[in-house]
Amino acid sequence: MFKCICAVVVALLLNGCAQMFPARSHQLDTALYEISAAGNVFASNDSLLKKIEKKAKKLCSPQAYDFVDNNTIEWHESKTYIDGRNYQGSYKTLNKRAKCRIAE
């Protein structure tokens, strides 16, 4: 029983930490990036958007940027097998494309 309780506590703690990861980016073209942020079920859409905006500002600095598409929010489920039991957790990702303004 103690192992089962410990496994649940560890799974919940790891699921709670998923909200602290920074946004990731992938360069699609010159000055065009796809940026995604992930968070657990407690992460708000606004907090994910702030992570994406922070990453876009860092990638395009000192120029400004524009988002070229709407928010794409996707829900995912993650299954974990611990000590003979299956546990399931949910998380969401927000994806946006940012185009850096080219200085003239």
PDB file of N, CA and C in Angstrom:
ATOM      1  N   MET A   1       0.819  -1.193   0.000  1.00  0.00           N
ATOM      2  CA  MET A   1       0.000   0.000   0.000  1.00  0.00           C
ATOM      3  C   MET A   1       0.863   1.257   0.000  1.00  0.00           C
ATOM      4  N   PHE A   2       1.947   1.224   0.783  1.00  0.00           N
ATOM      5  CA  PHE A   2       2.842   2.376   0.863  1.00  0.00           C
ATOM      6  C   PHE A   2       3.466   2.672  -0.500  1.00  0.00           C
ATOM      7  N   LYS A   3       3.854   1.614  -1.221  1.00  0.00           N
ATOM      8  CA  LYS A   3       4.431   1.803  -2.559  1.00  0.00           C
ATOM      9  C   LYS A   3       3.427   2.448  -3.496  1.00  0.00           C
ATOM     10  N   CYS A   4       2.189   2.035  -3.395  1.00  0.00           N
ATOM     11  CA  CYS A   4       1.137   2.593  -4.260  1.00  0.00           C
ATOM     12  C   CYS A   4       0.936   4.079  -3.960  1.00  0.00           C
ATOM     13  N   ILE A   5       0.898   4.446  -2.701  1.00  0.00           N
ATOM     14  CA  ILE A   5       0.732   5.851  -2.325  1.00  0.00           C
ATOM     15  C   ILE A   5       1.926   6.676  -2.799  1.00  0.00           C
ATOM     16  N   CYS A   6       3.124   6.140  -2.621  1.00  0.00           N
ATOM     17  CA  CYS A   6       4.332   6.843  -3.087  1.00  0.00           C
ATOM     18  C   CYS A   6       4.318   7.031  -4.597  1.00  0.00           C
ATOM     19  N   ALA A   7       3.877   6.006  -5.322  1.00  0.00           N
ATOM     20  CA  ALA A   7       3.830   6.102  -6.784  1.00  0.00           C
ATOM     21  C   ALA A   7       2.845   7.175  -7.227  1.00  0.00           C
ATOM     22  N   VAL A   8       1.711   7.252  -6.570  1.00  0.00           N
ATOM     23  CA  VAL A   8       0.715   8.278  -6.919  1.00  0.00           C
ATOM     24  C   VAL A   8       1.252   9.664  -6.611  1.00  0.00           C
ATOM     25  N   VAL A   9       1.896   9.821  -5.469  1.00  0.00           N
ATOM     26  CA  VAL A   9       2.466  11.125  -5.099  1.00  0.00           C
ATOM     27  C   VAL A   9       3.532  11.544  -6.097  1.00  0.00           C
ATOM     28  N   VAL A  10       4.403  10.634  -6.487  1.00  0.00           N
ATOM     29  CA  VAL A  10       5.449  10.948  -7.471  1.00  0.00           C
ATOM     30  C   VAL A  10       4.829  11.329  -8.806  1.00  0.00           C
ATOM     31  N   ALA A  11       3.827  10.595  -9.240  1.00  0.00           N
ATOM     32  CA  ALA A  11       3.173  10.905 -10.517  1.00  0.00           C
ATOM     33  C   ALA A  11       2.521  12.280 -10.478  1.00  0.00           C
ATOM     34  N   LEU A  12       1.877  12.618  -9.384  1.00  0.00           N
ATOM     35  CA  LEU A  12       1.246  13.937  -9.265  1.00  0.00           C
ATOM     36  C   LEU A  12       2.282  15.055  -9.229  1.00  0.00           C
ATOM     37  N   LEU A  13       3.379  14.829  -8.526  1.00  0.00           N
ATOM     38  CA  LEU A  13       4.429  15.852  -8.472  1.00  0.00           C
ATOM     39  C   LEU A  13       5.055  16.075  -9.835  1.00  0.00           C
ATOM     40  N   LEU A  14       5.301  14.999 -10.557  1.00  0.00           N
ATOM     41  CA  LEU A  14       5.888  15.150 -11.892  1.00  0.00           C
ATOM     42  C   LEU A  14       4.909  15.811 -12.843  1.00  0.00           C
ATOM     43  N   ASN A  15       3.640  15.517 -12.716  1.00  0.00           N
ATOM     44  CA  ASN A  15       2.627  16.139 -13.552  1.00  0.00           C
ATOM     45  C   ASN A  15       2.532  17.631 -13.242  1.00  0.00           C
ATOM     46  N   GLY A  16       2.688  18.019 -11.991  1.00  0.00           N
ATOM     47  CA  GLY A  16       2.648  19.423 -11.609  1.00  0.00           C
ATOM     48  C   GLY A  16       3.834  20.203 -12.130  1.00  0.00           C
ATOM     49  N   CYS A  17       4.970  19.559 -12.302  1.00  0.00           N
ATOM     50  CA  CYS A  17       6.170  20.236 -12.793  1.00  0.00           C
ATOM     51  C   CYS A  17       6.114  20.498 -14.293  1.00  0.00           C
ATOM     52  N   ALA A  18       5.214  19.871 -14.996  1.00  0.00           N
ATOM     53  CA  ALA A  18       5.139  20.030 -16.448  1.00  0.00           C
ATOM     54  C   ALA A  18       4.816  21.461 -16.848  1.00  0.00           C
ATOM     55  N   GLN A  19       4.299  22.232 -15.934  1.00  0.00           N
ATOM     56  CA  GLN A  19       3.914  23.598 -16.237  1.00  0.00           C
ATOM     57  C   GLN A  19       5.112  24.547 -16.203  1.00  0.00           C
ATOM     58  N   MET A  20       6.259  24.112 -15.700  1.00  0.00           N
ATOM     59  CA  MET A  20       7.397  25.003 -15.523  1.00  0.00           C
ATOM     60  C   MET A  20       8.384  24.976 -16.680  1.00  0.00           C
ATOM     61  N   PHE A  21       8.158  24.170 -17.689  1.00  0.00           N
ATOM     62  CA  PHE A  21       9.076  24.101 -18.813  1.00  0.00           C
ATOM     63  C   PHE A  21       8.920  25.326 -19.703  1.00  0.00           C
ATOM     64  N   PRO A  22      10.025  25.859 -20.241  1.00  0.00           N
ATOM     65  CA  PRO A  22       9.925  27.008 -21.162  1.00  0.00           C
ATOM     66  C   PRO A  22       9.396  26.570 -22.525  1.00  0.00           C
ATOM     67  N   ALA A  23       9.022  27.542 -23.323  1.00  0.00           N
ATOM     68  CA  ALA A  23       8.531  27.257 -24.673  1.00  0.00           C
ATOM     69  C   ALA A  23       9.677  26.753 -25.551  1.00  0.00           C
ATOM     70  N   ARG A  24       9.334  25.933 -26.538  1.00  0.00           N
ATOM     71  CA  ARG A  24      10.322  25.415 -27.497  1.00  0.00           C
ATOM     72  C   ARG A  24      10.053  26.022 -28.852  1.00  0.00           C
ATOM     73  N   SER A  25      11.113  26.104 -29.659  1.00  0.00           N
ATOM     74  CA  SER A  25      10.937  26.693 -30.988  1.00  0.00           C
ATOM     75  C   SER A  25      11.622  25.840 -32.040  1.00  0.00           C
ATOM     76  N   HIS A  26      11.125  26.005 -33.260  1.00  0.00           N
ATOM     77  CA  HIS A  26      11.692  25.323 -34.419  1.00  0.00           C
ATOM     78  C   HIS A  26      11.669  26.320 -35.572  1.00  0.00           C
ATOM     79  N   GLN A  27      12.826  26.555 -36.193  1.00  0.00           N
ATOM     80  CA  GLN A  27      12.894  27.517 -37.294  1.00  0.00           C
ATOM     81  C   GLN A  27      12.373  26.859 -38.570  1.00  0.00           C
ATOM     82  N   LEU A  28      11.331  27.464 -39.139  1.00  0.00           N
ATOM     83  CA  LEU A  28      10.714  26.937 -40.350  1.00  0.00           C
ATOM     84  C   LEU A  28      11.302  27.561 -41.606  1.00  0.00           C
ATOM     85  N   ASP A  29      11.664  28.834 -41.513  1.00  0.00           N
ATOM     86  CA  ASP A  29      12.174  29.592 -42.643  1.00  0.00           C
ATOM     87  C   ASP A  29      12.941  30.782 -42.075  1.00  0.00           C
ATOM     88  N   THR A  30      13.495  31.598 -42.948  1.00  0.00           N
ATOM     89  CA  THR A  30      14.184  32.786 -42.484  1.00  0.00           C
ATOM     90  C   THR A  30      13.197  33.664 -41.723  1.00  0.00           C
ATOM     91  N   ALA A  31      13.480  33.930 -40.473  1.00  0.00           N
ATOM     92  CA  ALA A  31      12.674  34.784 -39.592  1.00  0.00           C
ATOM     93  C   ALA A  31      11.270  34.237 -39.327  1.00  0.00           C
ATOM     94  N   LEU A  32      11.061  32.938 -39.515  1.00  0.00           N
ATOM     95  CA  LEU A  32       9.777  32.315 -39.222  1.00  0.00           C
ATOM     96  C   LEU A  32       9.997  31.126 -38.290  1.00  0.00           C
ATOM     97  N   TYR A  33       9.316  31.147 -37.157  1.00  0.00           N
ATOM     98  CA  TYR A  33       9.502  30.118 -36.140  1.00  0.00           C
ATOM     99  C   TYR A  33       8.163  29.528 -35.730  1.00  0.00           C
ATOM    100  N   GLU A  34       8.163  28.240 -35.462  1.00  0.00           N
ATOM    101  CA  GLU A  34       7.015  27.617 -34.822  1.00  0.00           C
ATOM    102  C   GLU A  34       7.384  27.451 -33.361  1.00  0.00           C
ATOM    103  N   ILE A  35       6.559  27.997 -32.490  1.00  0.00           N
ATOM    104  CA  ILE A  35       6.850  27.990 -31.060  1.00  0.00           C
ATOM    105  C   ILE A  35       5.729  27.247 -30.353  1.00  0.00           C
ATOM    106  N   SER A  36       6.106  26.367 -29.437  1.00  0.00           N
ATOM    107  CA  SER A  36       5.089  25.628 -28.687  1.00  0.00           C
ATOM    108  C   SER A  36       5.424  25.656 -27.200  1.00  0.00           C
ATOM    109  N   ALA A  37       4.378  25.702 -26.402  1.00  0.00           N
ATOM    110  CA  ALA A  37       4.502  25.665 -24.948  1.00  0.00           C
ATOM    111  C   ALA A  37       3.554  24.592 -24.432  1.00  0.00           C
ATOM    112  N   ALA A  38       3.981  23.902 -23.384  1.00  0.00           N
ATOM    113  CA  ALA A  38       3.176  22.830 -22.810  1.00  0.00           C
ATOM    114  C   ALA A  38       2.941  23.107 -21.331  1.00  0.00           C
ATOM    115  N   GLY A  39       1.819  22.635 -20.842  1.00  0.00           N
ATOM    116  CA  GLY A  39       1.492  22.781 -19.430  1.00  0.00           C
ATOM    117  C   GLY A  39       0.524  21.705 -19.002  1.00  0.00           C
ATOM    118  N   ASN A  40       0.464  21.472 -17.702  1.00  0.00           N
ATOM    119  CA  ASN A  40      -0.464  20.468 -17.200  1.00  0.00           C
ATOM    120  C   ASN A  40      -1.884  21.013 -17.227  1.00  0.00           C
ATOM    121  N   VAL A  41      -2.816  20.265 -16.688  1.00  0.00           N
ATOM    122  CA  VAL A  41      -4.221  20.651 -16.748  1.00  0.00           C
ATOM    123  C   VAL A  41      -4.503  21.927 -15.964  1.00  0.00           C
ATOM    124  N   PHE A  42      -3.616  22.308 -15.066  1.00  0.00           N
ATOM    125  CA  PHE A  42      -3.809  23.517 -14.266  1.00  0.00           C
ATOM    126  C   PHE A  42      -3.266  24.768 -14.955  1.00  0.00           C
ATOM    127  N   ALA A  43      -2.508  24.614 -16.023  1.00  0.00           N
ATOM    128  CA  ALA A  43      -1.936  25.760 -16.735  1.00  0.00           C
ATOM    129  C   ALA A  43      -3.030  26.456 -17.536  1.00  0.00           C
ATOM    130  N   SER A  44      -3.088  27.768 -17.418  1.00  0.00           N
ATOM    131  CA  SER A  44      -4.086  28.517 -18.182  1.00  0.00           C
ATOM    132  C   SER A  44      -3.563  28.772 -19.592  1.00  0.00           C
ATOM    133  N   ASN A  45      -4.479  29.043 -20.485  1.00  0.00           N
ATOM    134  CA  ASN A  45      -4.082  29.378 -21.857  1.00  0.00           C
ATOM    135  C   ASN A  45      -3.258  30.658 -21.881  1.00  0.00           C
ATOM    136  N   ASP A  46      -3.579  31.602 -20.997  1.00  0.00           N
ATOM    137  CA  ASP A  46      -2.819  32.848 -20.920  1.00  0.00           C
ATOM    138  C   ASP A  46      -1.368  32.610 -20.501  1.00  0.00           C
ATOM    139  N   SER A  47      -1.153  31.698 -19.560  1.00  0.00           N
ATOM    140  CA  SER A  47       0.223  31.426 -19.129  1.00  0.00           C
ATOM    141  C   SER A  47       1.028  30.781 -20.256  1.00  0.00           C
ATOM    142  N   LEU A  48       0.389  29.921 -21.052  1.00  0.00           N
ATOM    143  CA  LEU A  48       1.085  29.319 -22.193  1.00  0.00           C
ATOM    144  C   LEU A  48       1.385  30.370 -23.253  1.00  0.00           C
ATOM    145  N   LEU A  49       0.452  31.288 -23.471  1.00  0.00           N
ATOM    146  CA  LEU A  49       0.666  32.357 -24.440  1.00  0.00           C
ATOM    147  C   LEU A  49       1.808  33.275 -24.000  1.00  0.00           C
ATOM    148  N   LYS A  50       1.910  33.552 -22.715  1.00  0.00           N
ATOM    149  CA  LYS A  50       3.003  34.389 -22.206  1.00  0.00           C
ATOM    150  C   LYS A  50       4.353  33.718 -22.445  1.00  0.00           C
ATOM    151  N   LYS A  51       4.412  32.401 -22.264  1.00  0.00           N
ATOM    152  CA  LYS A  51       5.660  31.674 -22.538  1.00  0.00           C
ATOM    153  C   LYS A  51       6.044  31.805 -24.014  1.00  0.00           C
ATOM    154  N   ILE A  52       5.052  31.695 -24.895  1.00  0.00           N
ATOM    155  CA  ILE A  52       5.310  31.793 -26.327  1.00  0.00           C
ATOM    156  C   ILE A  52       5.749  33.202 -26.701  1.00  0.00           C
ATOM    157  N   GLU A  53       5.101  34.203 -26.123  1.00  0.00           N
ATOM    158  CA  GLU A  53       5.486  35.590 -26.407  1.00  0.00           C
ATOM    159  C   GLU A  53       6.905  35.882 -25.924  1.00  0.00           C
ATOM    160  N   LYS A  54       7.262  35.348 -24.778  1.00  0.00           N
ATOM    161  CA  LYS A  54       8.623  35.532 -24.252  1.00  0.00           C
ATOM    162  C   LYS A  54       9.653  34.900 -25.194  1.00  0.00           C
ATOM    163  N   LYS A  55       9.353  33.711 -25.691  1.00  0.00           N
ATOM    164  CA  LYS A  55      10.264  33.022 -26.603  1.00  0.00           C
ATOM    165  C   LYS A  55      10.365  33.775 -27.932  1.00  0.00           C
ATOM    166  N   ALA A  56       9.244  34.271 -28.455  1.00  0.00           N
ATOM    167  CA  ALA A  56       9.258  35.018 -29.724  1.00  0.00           C
ATOM    168  C   ALA A  56      10.076  36.297 -29.577  1.00  0.00           C
ATOM    169  N   LYS A  57       9.922  36.968 -28.459  1.00  0.00           N
ATOM    170  CA  LYS A  57      10.689  38.198 -28.213  1.00  0.00           C
ATOM    171  C   LYS A  57      12.190  37.900 -28.177  1.00  0.00           C
ATOM    172  N   LYS A  58      12.544  36.801 -27.555  1.00  0.00           N
ATOM    173  CA  LYS A  58      13.957  36.416 -27.471  1.00  0.00           C
ATOM    174  C   LYS A  58      14.508  36.045 -28.847  1.00  0.00           C
ATOM    175  N   LEU A  59      13.742  35.316 -29.647  1.00  0.00           N
ATOM    176  CA  LEU A  59      14.199  34.882 -30.964  1.00  0.00           C
ATOM    177  C   LEU A  59      14.338  36.046 -31.938  1.00  0.00           C
ATOM    178  N   CYS A  60      13.441  37.022 -31.864  1.00  0.00           N
ATOM    179  CA  CYS A  60      13.395  38.108 -32.848  1.00  0.00           C
ATOM    180  C   CYS A  60      14.121  39.372 -32.383  1.00  0.00           C
ATOM    181  N   SER A  61      14.572  39.399 -31.166  1.00  0.00           N
ATOM    182  CA  SER A  61      15.202  40.603 -30.618  1.00  0.00           C
ATOM    183  C   SER A  61      16.371  41.045 -31.486  1.00  0.00           C
ATOM    184  N   PRO A  62      16.548  42.304 -31.760  1.00  0.00           N
ATOM    185  CA  PRO A  62      15.855  43.477 -31.251  1.00  0.00           C
ATOM    186  C   PRO A  62      14.631  43.865 -32.085  1.00  0.00           C
ATOM    187  N   GLN A  63      14.340  43.160 -33.165  1.00  0.00           N
ATOM    188  CA  GLN A  63      13.159  43.485 -33.982  1.00  0.00           C
ATOM    189  C   GLN A  63      11.883  42.973 -33.300  1.00  0.00           C
ATOM    190  N   ALA A  64      10.770  43.462 -33.768  1.00  0.00           N
ATOM    191  CA  ALA A  64       9.473  43.005 -33.275  1.00  0.00           C
ATOM    192  C   ALA A  64       9.059  41.748 -34.043  1.00  0.00           C
ATOM    193  N   TYR A  65       7.937  41.212 -33.690  1.00  0.00           N
ATOM    194  CA  TYR A  65       7.430  39.995 -34.337  1.00  0.00           C
ATOM    195  C   TYR A  65       5.917  40.090 -34.477  1.00  0.00           C
ATOM    196  N   ASP A  66       5.382  39.273 -35.362  1.00  0.00           N
ATOM    197  CA  ASP A  66       3.944  39.133 -35.543  1.00  0.00           C
ATOM    198  C   ASP A  66       3.614  37.652 -35.556  1.00  0.00           C
ATOM    199  N   PHE A  67       2.480  37.305 -34.951  1.00  0.00           N
ATOM    200  CA  PHE A  67       2.007  35.931 -35.049  1.00  0.00           C
ATOM    201  C   PHE A  67       1.223  35.802 -36.346  1.00  0.00           C
ATOM    202  N   VAL A  68       1.492  34.746 -37.096  1.00  0.00           N
ATOM    203  CA  VAL A  68       0.889  34.600 -38.422  1.00  0.00           C
ATOM    204  C   VAL A  68      -0.235  33.566 -38.459  1.00  0.00           C
ATOM    205  N   ASP A  69      -0.608  33.036 -37.307  1.00  0.00           N
ATOM    206  CA  ASP A  69      -1.733  32.103 -37.266  1.00  0.00           C
ATOM    207  C   ASP A  69      -2.446  32.203 -35.931  1.00  0.00           C
ATOM    208  N   ASN A  70      -3.563  31.548 -35.831  1.00  0.00           N
ATOM    209  CA  ASN A  70      -4.330  31.542 -34.594  1.00  0.00           C
ATOM    210  C   ASN A  70      -3.745  30.528 -33.619  1.00  0.00           C
ATOM    211  N   ASN A  71      -4.212  30.605 -32.387  1.00  0.00           N
ATOM    212  CA  ASN A  71      -3.776  29.642 -31.378  1.00  0.00           C
ATOM    213  C   ASN A  71      -4.247  28.248 -31.755  1.00  0.00           C
ATOM    214  N   THR A  72      -3.371  27.290 -31.589  1.00  0.00           N
ATOM    215  CA  THR A  72      -3.740  25.897 -31.773  1.00  0.00           C
ATOM    216  C   THR A  72      -3.495  25.196 -30.445  1.00  0.00           C
ATOM    217  N   ILE A  73      -4.566  24.889 -29.735  1.00  0.00           N
ATOM    218  CA  ILE A  73      -4.444  24.215 -28.442  1.00  0.00           C
ATOM    219  C   ILE A  73      -4.805  22.749 -28.633  1.00  0.00           C
ATOM    220  N   GLU A  74      -3.922  21.880 -28.165  1.00  0.00           N
ATOM    221  CA  GLU A  74      -4.148  20.442 -28.289  1.00  0.00           C
ATOM    222  C   GLU A  74      -4.054  19.792 -26.919  1.00  0.00           C
ATOM    223  N   TRP A  75      -4.936  18.855 -26.648  1.00  0.00           N
ATOM    224  CA  TRP A  75      -4.906  18.083 -25.406  1.00  0.00           C
ATOM    225  C   TRP A  75      -4.250  16.735 -25.665  1.00  0.00           C
ATOM    226  N   HIS A  76      -3.432  16.300 -24.713  1.00  0.00           N
ATOM    227  CA  HIS A  76      -2.726  15.021 -24.824  1.00  0.00           C
ATOM    228  C   HIS A  76      -2.910  14.241 -23.529  1.00  0.00           C
ATOM    229  N   GLU A  77      -2.804  12.941 -23.622  1.00  0.00           N
ATOM    230  CA  GLU A  77      -2.838  12.096 -22.441  1.00  0.00           C
ATOM    231  C   GLU A  77      -1.554  11.291 -22.372  1.00  0.00           C
ATOM    232  N   SER A  78      -1.027  11.195 -21.182  1.00  0.00           N
ATOM    233  CA  SER A  78       0.209  10.469 -20.953  1.00  0.00           C
ATOM    234  C   SER A  78      -0.073   9.332 -19.984  1.00  0.00           C
ATOM    235  N   LYS A  79       0.287   8.127 -20.380  1.00  0.00           N
ATOM    236  CA  LYS A  79       0.073   6.963 -19.524  1.00  0.00           C
ATOM    237  C   LYS A  79       1.407   6.517 -18.944  1.00  0.00           C
ATOM    238  N   THR A  80       1.394   6.193 -17.656  1.00  0.00           N
ATOM    239  CA  THR A  80       2.595   5.777 -16.951  1.00  0.00           C
ATOM    240  C   THR A  80       2.312   4.458 -16.243  1.00  0.00           C
ATOM    241  N   TYR A  81       3.280   3.580 -16.272  1.00  0.00           N
ATOM    242  CA  TYR A  81       3.159   2.289 -15.605  1.00  0.00           C
ATOM    243  C   TYR A  81       4.140   2.290 -14.441  1.00  0.00           C
ATOM    244  N   ILE A  82       3.630   2.277 -13.208  1.00  0.00           N
ATOM    245  CA  ILE A  82       4.477   2.306 -12.022  1.00  0.00           C
ATOM    246  C   ILE A  82       4.029   1.206 -11.069  1.00  0.00           C
ATOM    247  N   ASP A  83       4.948   0.350 -10.708  1.00  0.00           N
ATOM    248  CA  ASP A  83       4.713  -0.676  -9.698  1.00  0.00           C
ATOM    249  C   ASP A  83       3.471  -1.515  -9.990  1.00  0.00           C
ATOM    250  N   GLY A  84       3.323  -1.923 -11.238  1.00  0.00           N
ATOM    251  CA  GLY A  84       2.231  -2.803 -11.595  1.00  0.00           C
ATOM    252  C   GLY A  84       0.889  -2.121 -11.825  1.00  0.00           C
ATOM    253  N   ARG A  85       0.877  -0.788 -11.815  1.00  0.00           N
ATOM    254  CA  ARG A  85      -0.379  -0.062 -12.017  1.00  0.00           C
ATOM    255  C   ARG A  85      -0.220   0.967 -13.127  1.00  0.00           C
ATOM    256  N   ASN A  86      -1.311   1.222 -13.817  1.00  0.00           N
ATOM    257  CA  ASN A  86      -1.326   2.243 -14.859  1.00  0.00           C
ATOM    258  C   ASN A  86      -1.889   3.540 -14.297  1.00  0.00           C
ATOM    259  N   TYR A  87      -1.204   4.656 -14.598  1.00  0.00           N
ATOM    260  CA  TYR A  87      -1.663   5.985 -14.200  1.00  0.00           C
ATOM    261  C   TYR A  87      -1.753   6.835 -15.457  1.00  0.00           C
ATOM    262  N   GLN A  88      -2.698   7.741 -15.450  1.00  0.00           N
ATOM    263  CA  GLN A  88      -2.921   8.559 -16.632  1.00  0.00           C
ATOM    264  C   GLN A  88      -2.931  10.025 -16.222  1.00  0.00           C
ATOM    265  N   GLY A  89      -2.242  10.860 -17.000  1.00  0.00           N
ATOM    266  CA  GLY A  89      -2.227  12.291 -16.762  1.00  0.00           C
ATOM    267  C   GLY A  89      -2.490  13.027 -18.063  1.00  0.00           C
ATOM    268  N   SER A  90      -3.010  14.230 -17.953  1.00  0.00           N
ATOM    269  CA  SER A  90      -3.308  15.024 -19.141  1.00  0.00           C
ATOM    270  C   SER A  90      -2.461  16.286 -19.154  1.00  0.00           C
ATOM    271  N   TYR A  91      -2.161  16.754 -20.345  1.00  0.00           N
ATOM    272  CA  TYR A  91      -1.465  18.025 -20.513  1.00  0.00           C
ATOM    273  C   TYR A  91      -1.903  18.639 -21.829  1.00  0.00           C
ATOM    274  N   LYS A  92      -1.632  19.928 -21.977  1.00  0.00           N
ATOM    275  CA  LYS A  92      -2.019  20.601 -23.218  1.00  0.00           C
ATOM    276  C   LYS A  92      -0.834  21.357 -23.784  1.00  0.00           C
ATOM    277  N   THR A  93      -0.883  21.559 -25.096  1.00  0.00           N
ATOM    278  CA  THR A  93       0.148  22.341 -25.770  1.00  0.00           C
ATOM    279  C   THR A  93      -0.518  23.461 -26.561  1.00  0.00           C
ATOM    280  N   LEU A  94       0.189  24.573 -26.659  1.00  0.00           N
ATOM    281  CA  LEU A  94      -0.247  25.712 -27.452  1.00  0.00           C
ATOM    282  C   LEU A  94       0.830  25.954 -28.495  1.00  0.00           C
ATOM    283  N   ASN A  95       0.443  26.027 -29.758  1.00  0.00           N
ATOM    284  CA  ASN A  95       1.386  26.215 -30.864  1.00  0.00           C
ATOM    285  C   ASN A  95       1.035  27.482 -31.637  1.00  0.00           C
ATOM    286  N   LYS A  96       2.063  28.263 -31.948  1.00  0.00           N
ATOM    287  CA  LYS A  96       1.882  29.477 -32.755  1.00  0.00           C
ATOM    288  C   LYS A  96       3.100  29.647 -33.656  1.00  0.00           C
ATOM    289  N   ARG A  97       2.894  30.331 -34.757  1.00  0.00           N
ATOM    290  CA  ARG A  97       4.005  30.682 -35.647  1.00  0.00           C
ATOM    291  C   ARG A  97       4.272  32.176 -35.526  1.00  0.00           C
ATOM    292  N   ALA A  98       5.532  32.504 -35.321  1.00  0.00           N
ATOM    293  CA  ALA A  98       5.934  33.903 -35.188  1.00  0.00           C
ATOM    294  C   ALA A  98       6.851  34.275 -36.343  1.00  0.00           C
ATOM    295  N   LYS A  99       6.598  35.407 -36.956  1.00  0.00           N
ATOM    296  CA  LYS A  99       7.442  35.935 -38.041  1.00  0.00           C
ATOM    297  C   LYS A  99       8.104  37.201 -37.520  1.00  0.00           C
ATOM    298  N   CYS A 100       9.428  37.196 -37.546  1.00  0.00           N
ATOM    299  CA  CYS A 100      10.190  38.361 -37.103  1.00  0.00           C
ATOM    300  C   CYS A 100      10.139  39.432 -38.196  1.00  0.00           C
ATOM    301  N   ARG A 101       9.966  40.660 -37.778  1.00  0.00           N
ATOM    302  CA  ARG A 101       9.989  41.773 -38.723  1.00  0.00           C
ATOM    303  C   ARG A 101      11.448  42.048 -39.104  1.00  0.00           C
ATOM    304  N   ILE A 102      11.703  42.150 -40.385  1.00  0.00           N
ATOM    305  CA  ILE A 102      13.053  42.376 -40.882  1.00  0.00           C
ATOM    306  C   ILE A 102      13.336  43.881 -40.879  1.00  0.00           C
ATOM    307  N   ALA A 103      14.449  44.248 -40.263  1.00  0.00           N
ATOM    308  CA  ALA A 103      14.817  45.674 -40.233  1.00  0.00           C
ATOM    309  C   ALA A 103      15.255  46.116 -41.629  1.00  0.00           C
ATOM    310  N   GLU A 104      14.817  47.291 -42.022  1.00  0.00           N
ATOM    311  CA  GLU A 104      15.157  47.807 -43.367  1.00  0.00           C
ATOM    312  C   GLU A 104      16.126  48.944 -43.273  1.00  0.00           C
TER     313      GLU A 104
END
